[in-house]
Amino acid sequence: MATNTAQDSFTSDISSGLVFVDFWAEWCGPCKAMAPQYDALSKTYTGASFLKLDIMSAQETAKQHGVRSIPTIIAFRDGVEVARHVGSQNLEEFVRGIVSA
């Protein structure tokens, strides 16, 4: 299951391995609709970490990573962004493509 991360621990949380981060907000309908799918993917792809970052409590981190629309999923490998997905459509294809790369 996806776990929460915070602005204070974000850099260390993404520093090692393949990490997907769901930038979301409580008031975001599409974010809420996508949450079960994201959690299911976190159980399917055990070779990667799946994190969630609430942009309302981590506005500076969201800004640093250029998040302008949510939901946004960013894939990091050893702390470096390798891919980005905006919106909730085709999320499984996005994750599968990154994990198999």
N, C-alpha and C. Protein backbone atom coordinates (compact mmCIF):
# COMPACT_ATOMS: atom_id res chain seq x y z
N MET A 1 0.84 -1.18 0.00
CA MET A 1 0.00 0.00 0.00
C MET A 1 0.89 1.24 0.00
N ALA A 2 0.44 2.26 -0.67
CA ALA A 2 1.18 3.52 -0.73
C ALA A 2 1.27 4.15 0.65
N THR A 3 2.41 4.74 0.94
CA THR A 3 2.59 5.39 2.24
C THR A 3 2.74 6.88 2.04
N ASN A 4 2.47 7.62 3.09
CA ASN A 4 2.58 9.08 3.03
C ASN A 4 4.02 9.51 3.23
N THR A 5 4.38 10.60 2.58
CA THR A 5 5.66 11.24 2.80
C THR A 5 5.36 12.70 3.14
N ALA A 6 6.35 13.39 3.65
CA ALA A 6 6.18 14.78 4.05
C ALA A 6 7.29 15.63 3.45
N GLN A 7 7.07 16.91 3.46
CA GLN A 7 8.05 17.84 2.90
C GLN A 7 9.42 17.65 3.54
N ASP A 8 9.46 17.44 4.86
CA ASP A 8 10.73 17.31 5.58
C ASP A 8 11.51 16.06 5.21
N SER A 9 10.83 14.98 4.87
CA SER A 9 11.51 13.72 4.57
C SER A 9 11.53 13.38 3.09
N PHE A 10 10.96 14.23 2.26
CA PHE A 10 10.78 13.91 0.84
C PHE A 10 12.09 13.54 0.15
N THR A 11 13.11 14.34 0.29
CA THR A 11 14.37 14.09 -0.42
C THR A 11 14.96 12.74 -0.04
N SER A 12 14.96 12.41 1.23
CA SER A 12 15.50 11.11 1.64
C SER A 12 14.58 9.97 1.21
N ASP A 13 13.28 10.21 1.19
CA ASP A 13 12.33 9.16 0.80
C ASP A 13 12.45 8.75 -0.66
N ILE A 14 12.90 9.66 -1.52
CA ILE A 14 13.02 9.34 -2.95
C ILE A 14 14.45 9.04 -3.37
N SER A 15 15.38 9.01 -2.43
CA SER A 15 16.81 8.96 -2.76
C SER A 15 17.32 7.61 -3.23
N SER A 16 16.59 6.54 -2.99
CA SER A 16 17.11 5.22 -3.31
C SER A 16 16.08 4.36 -4.03
N GLY A 17 16.49 3.79 -5.15
CA GLY A 17 15.62 2.89 -5.88
C GLY A 17 14.58 3.61 -6.71
N LEU A 18 13.60 2.85 -7.18
CA LEU A 18 12.51 3.38 -7.99
C LEU A 18 11.37 3.77 -7.06
N VAL A 19 10.97 5.04 -7.13
CA VAL A 19 9.93 5.55 -6.23
C VAL A 19 8.91 6.34 -7.06
N PHE A 20 7.65 5.97 -6.93
CA PHE A 20 6.55 6.72 -7.53
C PHE A 20 5.96 7.61 -6.45
N VAL A 21 5.71 8.88 -6.79
CA VAL A 21 5.11 9.80 -5.83
C VAL A 21 3.83 10.37 -6.43
N ASP A 22 2.74 10.19 -5.71
CA ASP A 22 1.44 10.73 -6.08
C ASP A 22 1.30 12.08 -5.39
N PHE A 23 1.36 13.16 -6.17
CA PHE A 23 1.11 14.51 -5.66
C PHE A 23 -0.40 14.72 -5.73
N TRP A 24 -1.04 14.93 -4.59
CA TRP A 24 -2.49 14.96 -4.52
C TRP A 24 -2.94 15.99 -3.48
N ALA A 25 -4.26 16.16 -3.38
CA ALA A 25 -4.86 17.01 -2.35
C ALA A 25 -6.21 16.42 -1.95
N GLU A 26 -6.58 16.63 -0.71
CA GLU A 26 -7.83 16.09 -0.17
C GLU A 26 -9.06 16.59 -0.95
N TRP A 27 -9.03 17.81 -1.43
CA TRP A 27 -10.18 18.41 -2.11
C TRP A 27 -10.28 18.00 -3.59
N CYS A 28 -9.31 17.25 -4.09
CA CYS A 28 -9.23 16.90 -5.51
C CYS A 28 -10.03 15.63 -5.82
N GLY A 29 -11.13 15.79 -6.54
CA GLY A 29 -11.97 14.65 -6.91
C GLY A 29 -11.24 13.59 -7.72
N PRO A 30 -10.53 13.97 -8.79
CA PRO A 30 -9.79 12.97 -9.56
C PRO A 30 -8.72 12.25 -8.73
N CYS A 31 -8.13 12.96 -7.77
CA CYS A 31 -7.14 12.33 -6.88
C CYS A 31 -7.80 11.23 -6.05
N LYS A 32 -8.97 11.53 -5.51
CA LYS A 32 -9.69 10.55 -4.72
C LYS A 32 -10.12 9.35 -5.57
N ALA A 33 -10.53 9.63 -6.79
CA ALA A 33 -10.96 8.56 -7.68
C ALA A 33 -9.80 7.65 -8.06
N MET A 34 -8.60 8.21 -8.17
CA MET A 34 -7.43 7.45 -8.58
C MET A 34 -6.80 6.68 -7.42
N ALA A 35 -7.03 7.09 -6.19
CA ALA A 35 -6.36 6.52 -5.03
C ALA A 35 -6.45 4.99 -4.94
N PRO A 36 -7.61 4.37 -5.14
CA PRO A 36 -7.66 2.90 -5.06
C PRO A 36 -6.80 2.22 -6.14
N GLN A 37 -6.78 2.79 -7.32
CA GLN A 37 -5.96 2.23 -8.40
C GLN A 37 -4.47 2.35 -8.04
N TYR A 38 -4.06 3.49 -7.52
CA TYR A 38 -2.67 3.71 -7.13
C TYR A 38 -2.27 2.73 -6.02
N ASP A 39 -3.14 2.54 -5.03
CA ASP A 39 -2.86 1.59 -3.96
C ASP A 39 -2.75 0.17 -4.49
N ALA A 40 -3.62 -0.20 -5.43
CA ALA A 40 -3.56 -1.54 -6.02
C ALA A 40 -2.25 -1.74 -6.77
N LEU A 41 -1.81 -0.73 -7.49
CA LEU A 41 -0.55 -0.83 -8.21
C LEU A 41 0.63 -0.99 -7.25
N SER A 42 0.54 -0.34 -6.08
CA SER A 42 1.62 -0.44 -5.10
C SER A 42 1.77 -1.87 -4.58
N LYS A 43 0.69 -2.64 -4.61
CA LYS A 43 0.75 -4.04 -4.18
C LYS A 43 1.22 -4.94 -5.31
N THR A 44 0.98 -4.54 -6.55
CA THR A 44 1.36 -5.35 -7.71
C THR A 44 2.84 -5.23 -8.02
N TYR A 45 3.37 -4.03 -7.97
CA TYR A 45 4.76 -3.78 -8.35
C TYR A 45 5.61 -3.60 -7.10
N THR A 46 6.04 -4.73 -6.54
CA THR A 46 6.74 -4.71 -5.26
C THR A 46 8.20 -4.26 -5.39
N GLY A 47 8.73 -4.13 -6.59
CA GLY A 47 10.10 -3.69 -6.78
C GLY A 47 10.25 -2.18 -6.73
N ALA A 48 9.17 -1.49 -6.49
CA ALA A 48 9.19 -0.02 -6.42
C ALA A 48 8.48 0.43 -5.15
N SER A 49 8.79 1.65 -4.73
CA SER A 49 8.09 2.25 -3.60
C SER A 49 7.02 3.19 -4.13
N PHE A 50 5.91 3.26 -3.44
CA PHE A 50 4.80 4.13 -3.82
C PHE A 50 4.49 5.06 -2.65
N LEU A 51 4.66 6.36 -2.89
CA LEU A 51 4.43 7.36 -1.86
C LEU A 51 3.33 8.32 -2.28
N LYS A 52 2.73 8.98 -1.30
CA LYS A 52 1.73 10.01 -1.55
C LYS A 52 2.20 11.27 -0.83
N LEU A 53 2.08 12.42 -1.52
CA LEU A 53 2.46 13.69 -0.93
C LEU A 53 1.31 14.68 -1.09
N ASP A 54 0.75 15.09 0.03
CA ASP A 54 -0.35 16.07 0.03
C ASP A 54 0.24 17.45 -0.27
N ILE A 55 -0.12 18.01 -1.42
CA ILE A 55 0.48 19.28 -1.83
C ILE A 55 0.08 20.44 -0.93
N MET A 56 -1.01 20.30 -0.19
CA MET A 56 -1.42 21.39 0.69
C MET A 56 -0.49 21.51 1.90
N SER A 57 0.12 20.42 2.29
CA SER A 57 1.05 20.47 3.41
C SER A 57 2.51 20.47 2.94
N ALA A 58 2.71 20.40 1.63
CA ALA A 58 4.06 20.37 1.07
C ALA A 58 4.12 21.24 -0.19
N GLN A 59 3.62 22.44 -0.09
CA GLN A 59 3.54 23.32 -1.25
C GLN A 59 4.91 23.62 -1.85
N GLU A 60 5.92 23.78 -1.02
CA GLU A 60 7.26 24.10 -1.52
C GLU A 60 7.83 22.93 -2.33
N THR A 61 7.63 21.72 -1.86
CA THR A 61 8.12 20.54 -2.58
C THR A 61 7.40 20.39 -3.92
N ALA A 62 6.09 20.59 -3.91
CA ALA A 62 5.33 20.52 -5.16
C ALA A 62 5.82 21.57 -6.15
N LYS A 63 6.07 22.75 -5.66
CA LYS A 63 6.56 23.84 -6.51
C LYS A 63 7.95 23.51 -7.07
N GLN A 64 8.84 22.99 -6.23
CA GLN A 64 10.20 22.63 -6.66
C GLN A 64 10.18 21.60 -7.78
N HIS A 65 9.17 20.75 -7.78
CA HIS A 65 9.09 19.70 -8.79
C HIS A 65 8.14 20.05 -9.93
N GLY A 66 7.73 21.30 -10.00
CA GLY A 66 6.93 21.77 -11.12
C GLY A 66 5.54 21.18 -11.21
N VAL A 67 4.97 20.80 -10.10
CA VAL A 67 3.62 20.24 -10.10
C VAL A 67 2.63 21.40 -10.21
N ARG A 68 1.92 21.43 -11.32
CA ARG A 68 0.97 22.51 -11.59
C ARG A 68 -0.47 22.01 -11.66
N SER A 69 -0.63 20.71 -11.79
CA SER A 69 -1.94 20.11 -11.90
C SER A 69 -1.91 18.79 -11.14
N ILE A 70 -3.04 18.45 -10.52
CA ILE A 70 -3.09 17.18 -9.81
C ILE A 70 -4.29 16.38 -10.28
N PRO A 71 -4.21 15.07 -10.21
CA PRO A 71 -3.10 14.29 -9.70
C PRO A 71 -1.91 14.27 -10.66
N THR A 72 -0.73 14.30 -10.10
CA THR A 72 0.51 14.13 -10.86
C THR A 72 1.30 13.02 -10.18
N ILE A 73 1.75 12.07 -10.96
CA ILE A 73 2.61 10.99 -10.47
C ILE A 73 3.98 11.22 -11.08
N ILE A 74 4.99 11.30 -10.23
CA ILE A 74 6.37 11.44 -10.72
C ILE A 74 7.13 10.20 -10.30
N ALA A 75 7.84 9.61 -11.25
CA ALA A 75 8.71 8.46 -10.97
C ALA A 75 10.13 8.97 -10.79
N PHE A 76 10.74 8.59 -9.68
CA PHE A 76 12.12 8.95 -9.38
C PHE A 76 12.95 7.67 -9.31
N ARG A 77 14.15 7.73 -9.87
CA ARG A 77 15.09 6.62 -9.72
C ARG A 77 16.33 7.20 -9.05
N ASP A 78 16.59 6.73 -7.83
CA ASP A 78 17.72 7.22 -7.04
C ASP A 78 17.70 8.75 -6.92
N GLY A 79 16.52 9.30 -6.70
CA GLY A 79 16.36 10.72 -6.45
C GLY A 79 16.23 11.60 -7.68
N VAL A 80 16.31 11.02 -8.87
CA VAL A 80 16.25 11.78 -10.11
C VAL A 80 14.93 11.46 -10.83
N GLU A 81 14.22 12.50 -11.24
CA GLU A 81 12.97 12.28 -11.97
C GLU A 81 13.26 11.58 -13.29
N VAL A 82 12.53 10.49 -13.55
CA VAL A 82 12.69 9.75 -14.80
C VAL A 82 11.44 9.79 -15.66
N ALA A 83 10.29 10.11 -15.06
CA ALA A 83 9.05 10.18 -15.83
C ALA A 83 7.98 10.89 -15.01
N ARG A 84 6.97 11.38 -15.73
CA ARG A 84 5.89 12.13 -15.10
C ARG A 84 4.58 11.77 -15.80
N HIS A 85 3.52 11.67 -15.01
CA HIS A 85 2.19 11.37 -15.53
C HIS A 85 1.19 12.31 -14.86
N VAL A 86 0.44 13.03 -15.65
CA VAL A 86 -0.56 13.96 -15.11
C VAL A 86 -1.94 13.42 -15.45
N GLY A 87 -2.80 13.36 -14.46
CA GLY A 87 -4.15 12.84 -14.65
C GLY A 87 -4.25 11.41 -14.17
N SER A 88 -5.46 10.89 -14.21
CA SER A 88 -5.68 9.55 -13.67
C SER A 88 -5.84 8.48 -14.75
N GLN A 89 -5.88 8.85 -16.00
CA GLN A 89 -6.06 7.87 -17.07
C GLN A 89 -4.76 7.15 -17.39
N ASN A 90 -4.87 5.88 -17.70
CA ASN A 90 -3.75 5.04 -18.12
C ASN A 90 -2.63 4.98 -17.09
N LEU A 91 -2.98 5.07 -15.83
CA LEU A 91 -1.97 5.03 -14.77
C LEU A 91 -1.24 3.70 -14.75
N GLU A 92 -1.95 2.60 -14.93
CA GLU A 92 -1.30 1.29 -14.91
C GLU A 92 -0.28 1.16 -16.04
N GLU A 93 -0.62 1.64 -17.23
CA GLU A 93 0.34 1.60 -18.35
C GLU A 93 1.58 2.41 -18.03
N PHE A 94 1.42 3.57 -17.41
CA PHE A 94 2.55 4.42 -17.04
C PHE A 94 3.47 3.68 -16.06
N VAL A 95 2.89 3.15 -14.99
CA VAL A 95 3.70 2.45 -13.98
C VAL A 95 4.38 1.24 -14.58
N ARG A 96 3.65 0.43 -15.32
CA ARG A 96 4.22 -0.77 -15.93
C ARG A 96 5.38 -0.42 -16.85
N GLY A 97 5.25 0.66 -17.63
CA GLY A 97 6.31 1.08 -18.54
C GLY A 97 7.58 1.48 -17.81
N ILE A 98 7.45 2.13 -16.67
CA ILE A 98 8.61 2.56 -15.91
C ILE A 98 9.24 1.39 -15.19
N VAL A 99 8.43 0.52 -14.58
CA VAL A 99 8.96 -0.61 -13.83
C VAL A 99 9.71 -1.56 -14.75
N SER A 100 9.22 -1.75 -15.97
CA SER A 100 9.85 -2.70 -16.87
C SER A 100 11.04 -2.09 -17.61
N ALA A 101 11.26 -0.78 -17.50
CA ALA A 101 12.37 -0.13 -18.21
C ALA A 101 13.70 -0.41 -17.54
